[in-house]
Amino acid sequence: MKIIQTDVLVCGGGCAGIAAALSSARNGAKTLLIERAGFSGGIITTVGLPYFDGLIDKPSGRFVVKGIPLELLQQLGVAKVGAKHIDDLRPDLITKYWGSVWIPNVEEFKLLSDELILKQSDRLTVLYHSMACDVEVKDGRVAAVIVANKDGLVRIEARQVIDCTGDGDIAHWAGCPTIKSTPLMPLTMHFRVGNVVPVKETRDAAKKVLIEAHQEGRLPNFYGPGLIFAFAKDECYVHATRVPADATDAADFTRAEIQGRKDAWTIFNEWKAKVPGFENSYYIMSGPCIGVRDTRRIVGLNVLTLEDLQKTTRHDDAVATGCWFLDIHPPEVSVDKPFTGSGFQPKPYDISYRTLVPQKVSNLLVAGRCHSASSEASASSRVTATAMALGEAAGTAAALAIKSKIEVGTVDGRKVRETLSQNNGGPFTDA
């Protein structure tokens, strides 16, 4: 078996993972990033969701996330240099109703991710088409992660490991306590339709047609629908499919992918046949993978809770700030607004470093939607820009651990916060 040794291993190159790998390398650690797809970006690229959710405090319009997420937006031409407010973004890319911003080209995001990785090539290596499949634990630490790729099974021995799998796979296999919501939020297959000429009847007709298709048994589930003209004036980007499943179960995950593609195609055909504006439309593509909102989360040294969001709990070791509303999707049909409950909009809240630190394993951090949070709180903290901020914090902490010759589980979160601040990242302050 091939053996690779490194200071820091980042498992998963999604929103959290790309930020973790870049911050680890930029802070001086020899870093290896592995990703199951042939590119980085996670939900943005493997699913096709172009939104940087969690960047903007909706009531004030101020950015609560800086650092690498903001750097990405600046390099994509979406945000001005030195941007701090929604007014510093390209106005045609803002969704003020949600308090979010989107990027105009997912393919450009792939290229930018590659470019930033290659700029750190003296300390950062990436292996695409590589998936973690097992973990070896010895004396309370991850001794090795076993990866499957075109080299066969590869043993990666890292001094510090960051789990950015989204599902907490590494932490789970290492024996760390994890939890799942009941019920799990459903999965969504995003898709795009070209040559759409919307008229005033389009949106109401699109909704009516899906309700009828569901009632007549042609469409088992859906929500919204969300018709968004994000990429071009005549191209409809669709949020509408809804597939209940557990994405940590291989068979169920496979079933969801198959169902999601079928439902997307059904929706397109229903609209093309019956909805004004879709008469001459064509199906461009669905995302390479179905989008997953909710699976495992670790039970860390601190758990972010709904009460923390309601009371805006402060932490000395805060390493990121959340601000997204409680975006909870039910596993059944919901028309108009996609989420359930009040959609509570919190004030910007602290996320403690300890939510990245699992129990029982000393050299492991977990970043992204699988960090330590209750089911309600994670509905806010799971989104893209917040995940990037958590990843940047984890990568910074791993590099600090390497420099100090300690384990990430014992790193002082206040030191992580201080280093993030020096690099224009970290939690939001009113200053």
Protein backbone atom coordinates (compact mmCIF):
# COMPACT_ATOMS: atom_id res chain seq x y z
CA MET A 1 0.00 0.00 0.00
CA LYS A 2 1.28 3.45 -0.92
CA ILE A 3 2.03 5.68 2.09
CA ILE A 4 1.88 9.49 2.11
CA GLN A 5 3.00 11.55 5.09
CA THR A 6 1.98 15.16 5.69
CA ASP A 7 1.51 17.70 8.45
CA VAL A 8 -2.19 18.31 7.79
CA LEU A 9 -4.72 16.23 5.88
CA VAL A 10 -7.99 17.86 4.81
CA CYS A 11 -10.67 15.34 3.85
CA GLY A 12 -13.16 16.91 1.45
CA GLY A 13 -12.65 19.87 -0.87
CA GLY A 14 -16.03 21.52 -0.53
CA CYS A 15 -16.70 24.97 0.89
CA ALA A 16 -15.14 24.15 4.26
CA GLY A 17 -12.38 21.99 2.81
CA ILE A 18 -10.98 24.40 0.24
CA ALA A 19 -10.80 27.14 2.88
CA ALA A 20 -9.22 24.76 5.41
CA ALA A 21 -6.55 23.61 2.98
CA LEU A 22 -5.67 27.13 1.85
CA SER A 23 -5.47 28.51 5.38
CA SER A 24 -3.40 25.58 6.62
CA ALA A 25 -0.87 25.96 3.82
CA ARG A 26 -0.77 29.75 4.02
CA ASN A 27 0.03 29.46 7.72
CA GLY A 28 3.03 27.28 6.98
CA ALA A 29 1.85 23.66 7.28
CA LYS A 30 2.55 20.97 4.70
CA THR A 31 -1.00 20.16 3.65
CA LEU A 32 -2.75 17.51 1.56
CA LEU A 33 -6.32 17.99 0.34
CA ILE A 34 -8.33 15.02 -0.90
CA GLU A 35 -11.63 15.35 -2.75
CA ARG A 36 -13.91 12.67 -4.26
CA ALA A 37 -14.84 14.81 -7.29
CA GLY A 38 -12.49 16.00 -10.00
CA PHE A 39 -12.65 19.57 -8.70
CA SER A 40 -13.10 21.58 -5.50
CA GLY A 41 -16.10 23.62 -4.43
CA GLY A 42 -18.54 21.16 -2.90
CA ILE A 43 -22.16 22.20 -3.15
CA ILE A 44 -21.24 25.13 -5.40
CA THR A 45 -19.65 22.92 -8.07
CA THR A 46 -20.77 19.33 -7.45
CA VAL A 47 -24.40 20.36 -6.95
CA GLY A 48 -24.50 23.65 -8.85
CA LEU A 49 -25.76 25.93 -6.05
CA PRO A 50 -24.04 29.28 -6.80
CA TYR A 51 -24.89 31.10 -3.57
CA PHE A 52 -22.63 32.47 -0.84
CA ASP A 53 -25.25 32.17 1.91
CA GLY A 54 -24.38 33.40 5.40
CA LEU A 55 -22.16 36.26 4.21
CA ILE A 56 -24.55 39.13 4.92
CA ASP A 57 -26.46 40.19 8.03
CA LYS A 58 -29.78 40.78 6.27
CA PRO A 59 -31.17 43.59 8.51
CA SER A 60 -28.02 45.74 8.34
CA GLY A 61 -26.51 44.62 5.06
CA ARG A 62 -23.08 44.23 6.70
CA PHE A 63 -20.76 41.33 5.97
CA VAL A 64 -20.23 39.03 8.93
CA VAL A 65 -17.77 36.79 7.07
CA LYS A 66 -14.40 38.00 5.79
CA GLY A 67 -11.20 36.11 5.03
CA ILE A 68 -11.12 33.49 2.28
CA PRO A 69 -14.85 33.64 1.34
CA LEU A 70 -14.59 37.37 0.71
CA GLU A 71 -11.30 36.87 -1.14
CA LEU A 72 -13.03 34.42 -3.48
CA LEU A 73 -15.82 36.89 -4.21
CA GLN A 74 -13.33 39.66 -4.89
CA GLN A 75 -11.34 37.52 -7.32
CA LEU A 76 -14.54 36.53 -9.12
CA GLY A 77 -15.43 40.19 -9.55
CA VAL A 78 -18.51 39.93 -7.35
CA ALA A 79 -17.23 42.09 -4.46
CA LYS A 80 -15.13 45.24 -4.45
CA VAL A 81 -11.72 45.22 -2.79
CA GLY A 82 -12.27 46.16 0.84
CA ALA A 83 -15.97 45.29 0.64
CA LYS A 84 -17.84 45.37 3.95
CA HIS A 85 -21.48 45.87 2.98
CA ILE A 86 -24.05 44.54 0.53
CA ASP A 87 -23.67 47.81 -1.40
CA ASP A 88 -20.08 46.76 -2.18
CA LEU A 89 -21.33 43.79 -4.24
CA ARG A 90 -22.36 43.69 -7.89
CA PRO A 91 -26.04 44.69 -7.65
CA ASP A 92 -27.15 42.26 -10.37
CA LEU A 93 -25.89 39.31 -8.28
CA ILE A 94 -27.69 40.12 -5.02
CA THR A 95 -30.81 38.38 -3.76
CA LYS A 96 -31.99 40.91 -1.19
CA TYR A 97 -35.02 38.82 -0.21
CA TRP A 98 -32.67 36.13 1.13
CA GLY A 99 -29.80 38.43 2.04
CA SER A 100 -27.44 36.52 -0.22
CA VAL A 101 -25.17 36.85 -3.26
CA TRP A 102 -24.48 34.44 -6.08
CA ILE A 103 -21.53 33.90 -8.39
CA PRO A 104 -22.22 34.19 -12.13
CA ASN A 105 -20.25 31.14 -13.32
CA VAL A 106 -19.71 27.86 -11.48
CA GLU A 107 -17.00 26.77 -13.94
CA GLU A 108 -14.99 29.90 -13.15
CA PHE A 109 -15.21 28.98 -9.45
CA LYS A 110 -13.63 25.59 -10.23
CA LEU A 111 -10.78 27.31 -12.06
CA LEU A 112 -10.23 29.82 -9.27
CA SER A 113 -10.08 27.05 -6.66
CA ASP A 114 -7.45 25.23 -8.72
CA GLU A 115 -5.48 28.43 -9.20
CA LEU A 116 -5.40 29.22 -5.49
CA ILE A 117 -4.32 25.66 -4.67
CA LEU A 118 -1.51 25.77 -7.23
CA LYS A 119 -0.28 29.09 -5.86
CA GLN A 120 0.50 27.24 -2.61
CA SER A 121 2.10 24.26 -4.37
CA ASP A 122 5.23 24.42 -2.20
CA ARG A 123 3.09 23.46 0.82
CA LEU A 124 -0.28 22.33 -0.59
CA THR A 125 -1.00 19.21 -2.65
CA VAL A 126 -4.40 18.13 -3.91
CA LEU A 127 -5.60 14.66 -4.92
CA TYR A 128 -8.91 14.71 -6.78
CA HIS A 129 -10.89 11.52 -7.44
CA SER A 130 -9.80 10.42 -3.96
CA MET A 131 -12.21 9.35 -1.24
CA ALA A 132 -11.55 8.55 2.39
CA CYS A 133 -12.81 5.06 3.15
CA ASP A 134 -11.37 4.09 6.53
CA VAL A 135 -9.58 5.46 9.59
CA GLU A 136 -6.98 3.95 11.90
CA VAL A 137 -7.05 5.23 15.48
CA LYS A 138 -4.25 4.60 17.95
CA ASP A 139 -3.81 6.01 21.46
CA GLY A 140 -6.68 8.46 21.03
CA ARG A 141 -5.51 10.01 17.77
CA VAL A 142 -6.01 9.39 14.05
CA ALA A 143 -2.92 7.43 13.02
CA ALA A 144 -3.91 7.15 9.36
CA VAL A 145 -6.71 7.77 6.91
CA ILE A 146 -7.15 5.17 4.17
CA VAL A 147 -8.02 6.69 0.82
CA ALA A 148 -9.24 4.97 -2.35
CA ASN A 149 -8.20 6.39 -5.73
CA LYS A 150 -6.52 5.32 -9.00
CA ASP A 151 -3.43 4.30 -7.02
CA GLY A 152 -5.57 1.76 -5.15
CA LEU A 153 -5.76 2.04 -1.37
CA VAL A 154 -3.44 4.76 -0.05
CA ARG A 155 -2.44 5.18 3.58
CA ILE A 156 -2.14 8.84 4.57
CA GLU A 157 -0.37 9.55 7.83
CA ALA A 158 -0.98 13.12 9.01
CA ARG A 159 -0.07 14.83 12.25
CA GLN A 160 -3.39 16.70 12.19
CA VAL A 161 -6.59 15.81 10.31
CA ILE A 162 -9.52 18.03 9.32
CA ASP A 163 -12.84 16.34 8.49
CA CYS A 164 -14.63 18.43 5.87
CA THR A 165 -16.60 15.52 4.40
CA GLY A 166 -19.93 17.19 5.21
CA ASP A 167 -21.12 13.95 6.77
CA GLY A 168 -18.55 13.73 9.58
CA ASP A 169 -17.26 10.48 8.06
CA ILE A 170 -13.77 10.66 9.56
CA ALA A 171 -15.04 11.55 13.03
CA HIS A 172 -17.69 8.82 12.88
CA TRP A 173 -15.24 6.11 11.75
CA ALA A 174 -12.79 7.28 14.43
CA GLY A 175 -15.39 6.62 17.14
CA CYS A 176 -16.26 10.24 17.99
CA PRO A 177 -19.82 10.84 19.21
CA THR A 178 -22.14 12.06 16.44
CA ILE A 179 -25.85 12.77 16.09
CA LYS A 180 -28.46 13.03 13.34
CA SER A 181 -31.64 15.08 13.16
CA THR A 182 -35.04 13.36 13.22
CA PRO A 183 -36.27 13.62 10.58
CA LEU A 184 -33.32 14.44 8.34
CA MET A 185 -33.85 17.31 5.94
CA PRO A 186 -34.46 16.12 2.37
CA LEU A 187 -32.02 16.20 -0.55
CA THR A 188 -32.44 18.40 -3.63
CA MET A 189 -31.32 17.89 -7.22
CA HIS A 190 -30.71 21.31 -8.74
CA PHE A 191 -31.13 21.74 -12.50
CA ARG A 192 -31.03 24.34 -15.25
CA VAL A 193 -33.37 25.00 -18.17
CA GLY A 194 -32.43 27.16 -21.16
CA ASN A 195 -34.40 29.32 -23.60
CA VAL A 196 -37.06 30.31 -21.10
CA VAL A 197 -38.95 33.54 -21.85
CA PRO A 198 -40.82 34.34 -18.65
CA VAL A 199 -44.11 36.22 -18.76
CA LYS A 200 -46.28 37.39 -15.87
CA GLU A 201 -48.16 34.07 -15.77
CA THR A 202 -45.03 31.90 -15.63
CA ARG A 203 -44.43 31.56 -11.89
CA ASP A 204 -48.04 30.98 -10.85
CA ALA A 205 -48.53 28.49 -13.68
CA ALA A 206 -45.32 26.64 -12.77
CA LYS A 207 -46.55 26.19 -9.21
CA LYS A 208 -50.03 25.10 -10.29
CA VAL A 209 -48.64 22.50 -12.68
CA LEU A 210 -46.43 20.94 -9.99
CA ILE A 211 -49.31 20.77 -7.52
CA GLU A 212 -51.37 18.93 -10.14
CA ALA A 213 -48.49 16.59 -11.04
CA HIS A 214 -48.07 15.74 -7.36
CA GLN A 215 -51.78 15.17 -6.81
CA GLU A 216 -51.95 12.92 -9.89
CA GLY A 217 -48.94 10.85 -8.78
CA ARG A 218 -46.40 11.95 -11.39
CA LEU A 219 -44.25 13.87 -8.91
CA PRO A 220 -43.80 12.33 -5.45
CA ASN A 221 -42.42 15.43 -3.76
CA PHE A 222 -41.39 19.03 -4.43
CA TYR A 223 -41.12 22.46 -2.85
CA GLY A 224 -41.44 26.08 -3.95
CA PRO A 225 -40.79 26.00 -6.80
CA GLY A 226 -37.88 28.41 -6.99
CA LEU A 227 -37.34 29.77 -10.49
CA ILE A 228 -34.16 31.85 -10.49
CA PHE A 229 -32.59 33.53 -13.49
CA ALA A 230 -29.09 33.59 -12.03
CA PHE A 231 -26.86 32.61 -14.94
CA ALA A 232 -28.61 34.30 -17.87
CA LYS A 233 -31.82 36.21 -18.59
CA ASP A 234 -33.26 33.26 -20.50
CA GLU A 235 -31.87 30.46 -18.30
CA CYS A 236 -33.93 29.18 -15.39
CA TYR A 237 -32.03 27.71 -12.45
CA VAL A 238 -34.49 25.58 -10.49
CA HIS A 239 -34.88 24.77 -6.79
CA ALA A 240 -37.82 22.37 -6.63
CA THR A 241 -37.00 18.69 -6.11
CA ARG A 242 -37.22 17.19 -2.65
CA VAL A 243 -36.09 13.64 -1.87
CA PRO A 244 -36.19 12.28 1.70
CA ALA A 245 -33.08 10.11 2.27
CA ASP A 246 -30.10 9.42 4.49
CA ALA A 247 -27.00 10.34 2.50
CA THR A 248 -24.74 8.39 4.89
CA ASP A 249 -26.37 5.15 3.71
CA ALA A 250 -24.91 4.11 0.33
CA ALA A 251 -28.06 2.43 -0.98
CA ASP A 252 -30.36 5.23 0.16
CA PHE A 253 -28.01 7.86 -1.27
CA THR A 254 -28.03 6.07 -4.61
CA ARG A 255 -31.82 5.85 -4.58
CA ALA A 256 -32.01 9.60 -3.90
CA GLU A 257 -29.73 10.43 -6.83
CA ILE A 258 -31.89 8.36 -9.18
CA GLN A 259 -35.13 9.82 -7.84
CA GLY A 260 -33.78 13.37 -7.94
CA ARG A 261 -32.82 13.13 -11.60
CA LYS A 262 -36.19 11.60 -12.48
CA ASP A 263 -38.09 14.32 -10.60
CA ALA A 264 -36.09 17.11 -12.24
CA TRP A 265 -36.84 15.70 -15.67
CA THR A 266 -40.54 15.32 -14.80
CA ILE A 267 -40.73 18.94 -13.66
CA PHE A 268 -39.07 20.14 -16.87
CA ASN A 269 -41.44 18.14 -19.10
CA GLU A 270 -44.51 19.33 -17.18
CA TRP A 271 -43.42 22.95 -17.55
CA LYS A 272 -42.44 22.67 -21.20
CA ALA A 273 -45.86 21.23 -22.04
CA LYS A 274 -48.02 23.48 -19.87
CA VAL A 275 -46.30 26.66 -18.60
CA PRO A 276 -46.16 29.94 -20.58
CA GLY A 277 -42.53 30.89 -21.24
CA PHE A 278 -41.26 27.30 -21.34
CA GLU A 279 -42.68 26.39 -24.79
CA ASN A 280 -39.29 26.36 -26.55
CA SER A 281 -37.13 25.58 -23.54
CA TYR A 282 -34.54 22.83 -23.31
CA TYR A 283 -33.01 20.91 -20.40
CA ILE A 284 -29.38 22.00 -19.90
CA MET A 285 -28.23 19.82 -17.02
CA SER A 286 -28.78 18.69 -13.48
CA GLY A 287 -26.02 18.99 -10.91
CA PRO A 288 -23.35 16.26 -11.01
CA CYS A 289 -24.61 15.24 -7.56
CA ILE A 290 -27.76 15.72 -5.54
CA GLY A 291 -27.50 18.35 -2.79
CA VAL A 292 -27.33 17.16 0.82
CA ARG A 293 -28.43 19.45 3.66
CA ASP A 294 -28.33 17.30 6.73
CA THR A 295 -26.63 14.13 7.93
CA ARG A 296 -24.25 13.52 10.86
CA ARG A 297 -22.94 16.22 13.15
CA ILE A 298 -20.30 15.75 15.81
CA VAL A 299 -20.98 16.27 19.50
CA GLY A 300 -18.05 18.56 20.17
CA LEU A 301 -16.59 20.25 23.21
CA ASN A 302 -19.24 22.92 22.68
CA VAL A 303 -22.61 22.56 20.97
CA LEU A 304 -24.11 25.53 19.12
CA THR A 305 -27.79 25.68 20.12
CA LEU A 306 -30.93 27.55 19.15
CA GLU A 307 -30.70 29.37 22.49
CA ASP A 308 -27.24 30.60 21.48
CA LEU A 309 -28.76 32.09 18.34
CA GLN A 310 -31.71 33.59 20.19
CA LYS A 311 -29.57 35.13 22.92
CA THR A 312 -26.59 35.93 20.66
CA THR A 313 -24.25 34.10 23.04
CA ARG A 314 -20.68 35.41 22.93
CA HIS A 315 -17.50 33.31 23.16
CA ASP A 316 -13.90 34.37 23.75
CA ASP A 317 -12.87 31.57 21.41
CA ALA A 318 -15.27 32.50 18.60
CA VAL A 319 -13.67 31.76 15.23
CA ALA A 320 -16.60 32.51 12.91
CA THR A 321 -19.92 34.32 12.81
CA GLY A 322 -23.24 32.95 11.64
CA CYS A 323 -26.21 34.99 10.46
CA TRP A 324 -28.42 32.83 8.20
CA PHE A 325 -32.06 32.27 9.12
CA LEU A 326 -33.34 28.92 10.40
CA ASP A 327 -33.49 27.25 7.00
CA ILE A 328 -35.23 23.99 7.90
CA HIS A 329 -36.64 21.98 4.97
CA PRO A 330 -39.32 19.41 5.78
CA PRO A 331 -39.31 16.00 4.06
CA GLU A 332 -42.74 16.60 2.50
CA VAL A 333 -44.28 19.00 -0.04
CA SER A 334 -44.29 22.69 0.87
CA VAL A 335 -45.49 25.34 -1.55
CA ASP A 336 -44.22 28.97 -1.64
CA LYS A 337 -41.64 29.28 1.16
CA PRO A 338 -39.42 26.17 1.21
CA PHE A 339 -38.65 26.11 4.92
CA THR A 340 -40.79 25.25 7.94
CA GLY A 341 -41.38 27.12 11.16
CA SER A 342 -40.85 30.82 11.64
CA GLY A 343 -37.68 31.13 9.58
CA PHE A 344 -36.25 32.92 12.62
CA GLN A 345 -33.62 35.48 11.62
CA PRO A 346 -30.90 35.68 14.30
CA LYS A 347 -28.60 38.58 14.91
CA PRO A 348 -24.97 37.77 14.01
CA TYR A 349 -23.86 35.10 16.48
CA ASP A 350 -20.54 33.60 17.59
CA ILE A 351 -19.44 30.09 16.67
CA SER A 352 -16.96 28.72 19.20
CA TYR A 353 -13.75 26.96 18.18
CA ARG A 354 -14.88 24.13 20.44
CA THR A 355 -17.71 23.28 18.01
CA LEU A 356 -14.95 22.10 15.66
CA VAL A 357 -13.31 19.86 18.27
CA PRO A 358 -14.77 16.35 18.54
CA GLN A 359 -14.62 14.20 21.64
CA LYS A 360 -12.24 11.21 22.08
CA VAL A 361 -9.73 12.02 19.31
CA SER A 362 -7.02 14.62 19.93
CA ASN A 363 -5.66 15.40 16.46
CA LEU A 364 -8.93 15.84 14.60
CA LEU A 365 -11.08 18.87 13.77
CA VAL A 366 -14.43 18.91 11.98
CA ALA A 367 -15.54 21.87 9.86
CA GLY A 368 -18.57 22.66 7.72
CA ARG A 369 -22.17 21.56 8.20
CA CYS A 370 -21.08 18.57 10.32
CA HIS A 371 -19.62 20.74 13.10
CA SER A 372 -21.15 20.51 16.58
CA ALA A 373 -24.61 22.10 16.53
CA SER A 374 -28.17 21.20 17.44
CA SER A 375 -30.59 20.39 14.63
CA GLU A 376 -32.16 23.87 14.79
CA ALA A 377 -28.89 25.79 15.03
CA SER A 378 -27.29 23.79 12.23
CA ALA A 379 -30.11 24.88 9.92
CA SER A 380 -28.45 28.30 10.12
CA SER A 381 -24.75 27.40 10.40
CA ARG A 382 -24.72 24.77 7.61
CA VAL A 383 -24.64 27.23 4.69
CA THR A 384 -21.81 27.96 2.26
CA ALA A 385 -20.10 31.14 3.49
CA THR A 386 -20.35 30.04 7.12
CA ALA A 387 -18.86 26.64 6.20
CA MET A 388 -15.96 28.41 4.50
CA ALA A 389 -15.32 30.50 7.61
CA LEU A 390 -15.32 27.37 9.78
CA GLY A 391 -12.93 25.67 7.36
CA GLU A 392 -10.57 28.64 7.42
CA ALA A 393 -10.58 28.49 11.22
CA ALA A 394 -9.85 24.76 11.24
CA GLY A 395 -6.97 25.12 8.78
CA THR A 396 -5.49 27.95 10.82
CA ALA A 397 -5.76 25.90 14.02
CA ALA A 398 -4.11 22.88 12.41
CA ALA A 399 -1.16 25.00 11.28
CA LEU A 400 -0.85 26.50 14.76
CA ALA A 401 -0.82 23.00 16.23
CA ILE A 402 2.00 21.99 13.89
CA LYS A 403 4.05 25.05 14.83
CA SER A 404 3.49 24.52 18.54
CA LYS A 405 3.97 20.73 18.34
CA ILE A 406 0.65 20.09 20.06
CA GLU A 407 -2.67 18.56 19.01
CA VAL A 408 -5.51 20.60 17.50
CA GLY A 409 -7.78 19.46 20.30
CA THR A 410 -5.66 21.40 22.79
CA VAL A 411 -5.12 24.54 20.71
CA ASP A 412 -6.46 27.66 22.45
CA GLY A 413 -9.35 28.95 20.35
CA ARG A 414 -8.44 32.50 21.35
CA LYS A 415 -5.10 32.05 19.59
CA VAL A 416 -6.94 30.82 16.50
CA ARG A 417 -9.20 33.88 16.62
CA GLU A 418 -6.17 36.16 16.96
CA THR A 419 -4.42 34.60 13.97
CA LEU A 420 -7.57 34.75 11.86
CA SER A 421 -7.93 38.44 12.68
CA GLN A 422 -4.36 39.07 11.56
CA ASN A 423 -5.29 37.47 8.22
CA ASN A 424 -8.50 39.53 7.85
CA GLY A 425 -10.68 36.60 8.89
CA GLY A 426 -12.43 35.41 12.00
CA PRO A 427 -15.66 36.49 13.68
CA PHE A 428 -17.56 39.67 12.98
CA THR A 429 -17.13 42.64 15.29
CA ASP A 430 -18.94 45.97 15.35
CA ALA A 431 -15.66 47.83 15.15
